[in-house]
C-alpha cells in the first residue's frame, strides 16, 4: 500500500508504538471537532479505549517516516450484535490528505472479514466533518441515520452526527 508520496505499511499495533501514537490521538481529540472523546481525556483513558478494549489496533507506518495513523476494530455491540464491527481512525496531521485514512479503512474492512464480522458501522460521524463523510461514502458506506445535535463541536456548538454502515459479507 502506498500514499501518493510514501509507501505505507499497515501492521498490528505494538506497545513500542504508543509514544508515537499518543501525540497523534491527543492532538486529534483535543481539537474537539471529530471525536466524542473529552478534549482533556487522560493518556490512560485513551490507551484503554484505543488499545486495551478493542479486538485489535493497527498502525499505518510510512517507510522511514514513522507512524502516519492508527485505527482500532471491535464489535459494535455484544452478543447478538457482535457480527457488526466498529472502527475508529486517526491520521497524523502531517499525513492528512495523502490517502492514509483510505488505506486504513480498506485494510480494516479486510481485517473485519478475516475476523468474522459481516458489516461495519460508524456510530458518530460528525456531519460537519465533510471530508470524513465524503471519504466513507466513497468507500461504500451509507448514512443510515442522522442524530440531531448529537455532537458538541468546540466551535460550531451542537451539530448533527451520522450513523454510517456498510455490509461486508452478503
Protein backbone atom coordinates (compact mmCIF):
# COMPACT_ATOMS: atom_id res chain seq x y z
CA UNK A 1 0.00 0.00 0.00
CA UNK A 2 1.29 3.46 -0.82
CA UNK A 3 0.13 7.01 -0.47
CA UNK A 4 0.81 9.48 -3.23
CA UNK A 5 4.37 10.03 -1.99
CA UNK A 6 5.44 7.46 0.58
CA UNK A 7 5.00 3.68 0.83
CA UNK A 8 2.79 2.85 3.80
CA UNK A 9 2.63 -0.43 5.68
CA UNK A 10 -0.30 -1.22 7.96
CA UNK A 11 0.59 -3.60 10.75
CA UNK A 12 -0.65 -4.58 14.21
CA UNK A 13 0.00 -2.06 16.97
CA UNK A 14 2.94 -2.88 19.25
CA UNK A 15 3.46 -1.49 22.74
CA UNK A 16 6.56 0.35 21.50
CA UNK A 17 4.29 2.34 19.12
CA UNK A 18 2.42 4.11 21.92
CA UNK A 19 4.89 7.01 22.38
CA UNK A 20 4.30 7.92 18.71
CA UNK A 21 0.56 7.12 18.64
CA UNK A 22 -0.43 9.03 21.78
CA UNK A 23 0.51 12.52 20.47
CA UNK A 24 -1.45 11.86 17.26
CA UNK A 25 -4.55 10.85 19.23
CA UNK A 26 -4.15 13.65 21.79
CA UNK A 27 -3.91 16.31 19.07
CA UNK A 28 -7.00 14.98 17.30
CA UNK A 29 -9.11 14.61 20.43
CA UNK A 30 -8.09 17.98 21.88
CA UNK A 31 -9.31 19.68 18.70
CA UNK A 32 -12.89 18.79 19.68
CA UNK A 33 -14.24 18.65 16.14
CA UNK A 34 -14.25 15.00 15.04
CA UNK A 35 -14.31 12.63 18.03
CA UNK A 36 -16.54 12.48 21.10
CA UNK A 37 -13.60 11.99 23.46
CA UNK A 38 -13.37 14.79 26.01
CA UNK A 39 -10.55 17.13 24.97
CA UNK A 40 -8.95 16.67 28.40
CA UNK A 41 -9.07 12.85 28.32
CA UNK A 42 -6.06 11.36 30.05
CA UNK A 43 -3.42 9.27 28.34
CA UNK A 44 -4.52 6.26 30.42
CA UNK A 45 -8.17 6.69 29.36
CA UNK A 46 -7.27 6.93 25.69
CA UNK A 47 -4.84 4.00 25.88
CA UNK A 48 -7.57 1.85 27.42
CA UNK A 49 -10.14 2.88 24.79
CA UNK A 50 -7.84 2.75 21.76
CA UNK A 51 -5.55 -0.16 22.60
CA UNK A 52 -6.79 -2.30 25.50
CA UNK A 53 -10.53 -2.66 24.83
CA UNK A 54 -10.66 -3.16 21.04
CA UNK A 55 -10.27 -6.57 19.44
CA UNK A 56 -7.27 -5.20 17.51
CA UNK A 57 -5.39 -1.96 16.91
CA UNK A 58 -3.24 -1.18 13.88
CA UNK A 59 -0.79 1.49 12.80
CA UNK A 60 -0.01 2.89 9.36
CA UNK A 61 3.74 3.32 9.08
CA UNK A 62 5.48 5.42 6.44
CA UNK A 63 8.75 3.95 5.20
CA UNK A 64 11.40 5.58 7.36
CA UNK A 65 8.99 8.33 8.39
CA UNK A 66 7.25 6.96 11.48
CA UNK A 67 3.59 6.42 12.23
CA UNK A 68 1.13 8.13 9.88
CA UNK A 69 -2.06 6.91 11.52
CA UNK A 70 -3.82 4.32 13.62
CA UNK A 71 -7.12 2.52 13.81
CA UNK A 72 -8.94 0.08 16.08
CA UNK A 73 -11.53 -2.57 15.35
CA UNK A 74 -14.03 -4.02 17.83
CA UNK A 75 -17.52 -5.49 17.95
CA UNK A 76 -20.05 -2.69 17.75
CA UNK A 77 -22.30 -4.47 20.23
CA UNK A 78 -22.09 -7.55 22.42
CA UNK A 79 -23.85 -10.85 21.92
CA UNK A 80 -26.35 -10.93 19.09
CA UNK A 81 -24.94 -7.70 17.60
CA UNK A 82 -21.30 -8.78 17.70
CA UNK A 83 -21.20 -9.67 14.00
CA UNK A 84 -21.09 -5.94 13.17
CA UNK A 85 -17.82 -4.18 13.93
CA UNK A 86 -16.93 -0.60 14.71
CA UNK A 87 -13.66 1.13 13.85
CA UNK A 88 -12.03 4.44 14.68
CA UNK A 89 -9.32 6.03 12.56
CA UNK A 90 -6.90 8.87 13.22
CA UNK A 91 -4.30 10.22 10.81
CA UNK A 92 -1.33 12.31 11.94
CA UNK A 93 -1.76 15.96 10.93
CA UNK A 94 1.36 15.85 8.73
CA UNK A 95 0.00 12.83 6.83
CA UNK A 96 -3.54 14.10 6.21
CA UNK A 97 -4.67 14.35 2.61
CA UNK A 98 -2.27 11.62 1.46
CA UNK A 99 -4.70 8.70 1.35
CA UNK A 100 -3.78 7.21 4.73
CA UNK A 101 -7.38 7.14 6.02
CA UNK A 102 -8.49 5.41 2.82
CA UNK A 103 -5.76 2.79 3.16
CA UNK A 104 -6.62 2.16 6.80
CA UNK A 105 -10.35 1.87 6.06
CA UNK A 106 -9.73 -0.57 3.22
CA UNK A 107 -7.36 -2.57 5.45
CA UNK A 108 -9.90 -2.57 8.29
CA UNK A 109 -12.59 -3.99 6.02
CA UNK A 110 -10.31 -6.87 5.03
CA UNK A 111 -9.42 -7.43 8.69
CA UNK A 112 -13.08 -7.31 9.68
CA UNK A 113 -14.00 -10.06 7.23
CA UNK A 114 -10.99 -12.14 8.35
CA UNK A 115 -12.15 -11.70 11.97
CA UNK A 116 -15.67 -12.92 11.12
CA UNK A 117 -17.53 -9.60 11.04
CA UNK A 118 -20.31 -9.27 8.47
CA UNK A 119 -20.69 -5.49 8.47
CA UNK A 120 -19.09 -2.30 9.72
CA UNK A 121 -20.82 0.60 11.46
CA UNK A 122 -19.59 4.06 12.37
CA UNK A 123 -21.71 5.34 15.25
CA UNK A 124 -20.91 9.05 15.35
CA UNK A 125 -19.57 10.61 12.15
CA UNK A 126 -19.73 14.34 12.79
CA UNK A 127 -21.82 15.84 9.98
CA UNK A 128 -19.62 18.94 9.79
CA UNK A 129 -16.60 16.69 9.11
CA UNK A 130 -17.38 16.70 5.40
CA UNK A 131 -14.03 15.21 4.46
CA UNK A 132 -14.75 12.07 6.51
CA UNK A 133 -18.38 11.80 5.37
CA UNK A 134 -17.33 12.01 1.71
CA UNK A 135 -14.48 9.51 2.20
CA UNK A 136 -16.67 6.94 3.94
CA UNK A 137 -19.33 7.32 1.24
CA UNK A 138 -16.67 6.92 -1.46
CA UNK A 139 -15.62 3.68 0.26
CA UNK A 140 -19.17 2.32 0.16
CA UNK A 141 -20.66 3.40 3.49
CA UNK A 142 -24.19 4.77 3.58
CA UNK A 143 -25.68 7.24 6.02
CA UNK A 144 -28.39 5.13 7.65
CA UNK A 145 -29.40 7.67 10.25
CA UNK A 146 -28.71 11.18 11.42
CA UNK A 147 -28.70 12.09 15.09
CA UNK A 148 -29.79 15.73 15.50
CA UNK A 149 -27.40 17.78 17.63
CA UNK A 150 -25.61 14.65 18.87
CA UNK A 151 -22.09 16.15 18.80
CA UNK A 152 -20.97 19.15 20.83
CA UNK A 153 -18.48 20.76 18.43
CA UNK A 154 -15.94 23.05 20.09
CA UNK A 155 -16.72 26.00 17.78
CA UNK A 156 -19.97 25.17 15.97
CA UNK A 157 -21.98 24.10 19.01
CA UNK A 158 -24.38 21.19 18.70
CA UNK A 159 -24.12 19.59 15.27
CA UNK A 160 -25.67 16.50 13.75
CA UNK A 161 -23.86 13.18 13.63
CA UNK A 162 -24.39 10.36 11.15
CA UNK A 163 -24.56 6.64 11.69
CA UNK A 164 -22.84 5.07 8.68
CA UNK A 165 -22.99 1.42 7.67
CA UNK A 166 -21.53 -0.98 5.13
CA UNK A 167 -22.30 -4.65 4.60
CA UNK A 168 -19.06 -6.60 4.17
CA UNK A 169 -20.39 -10.14 3.67
CA UNK A 170 -23.58 -10.86 1.75
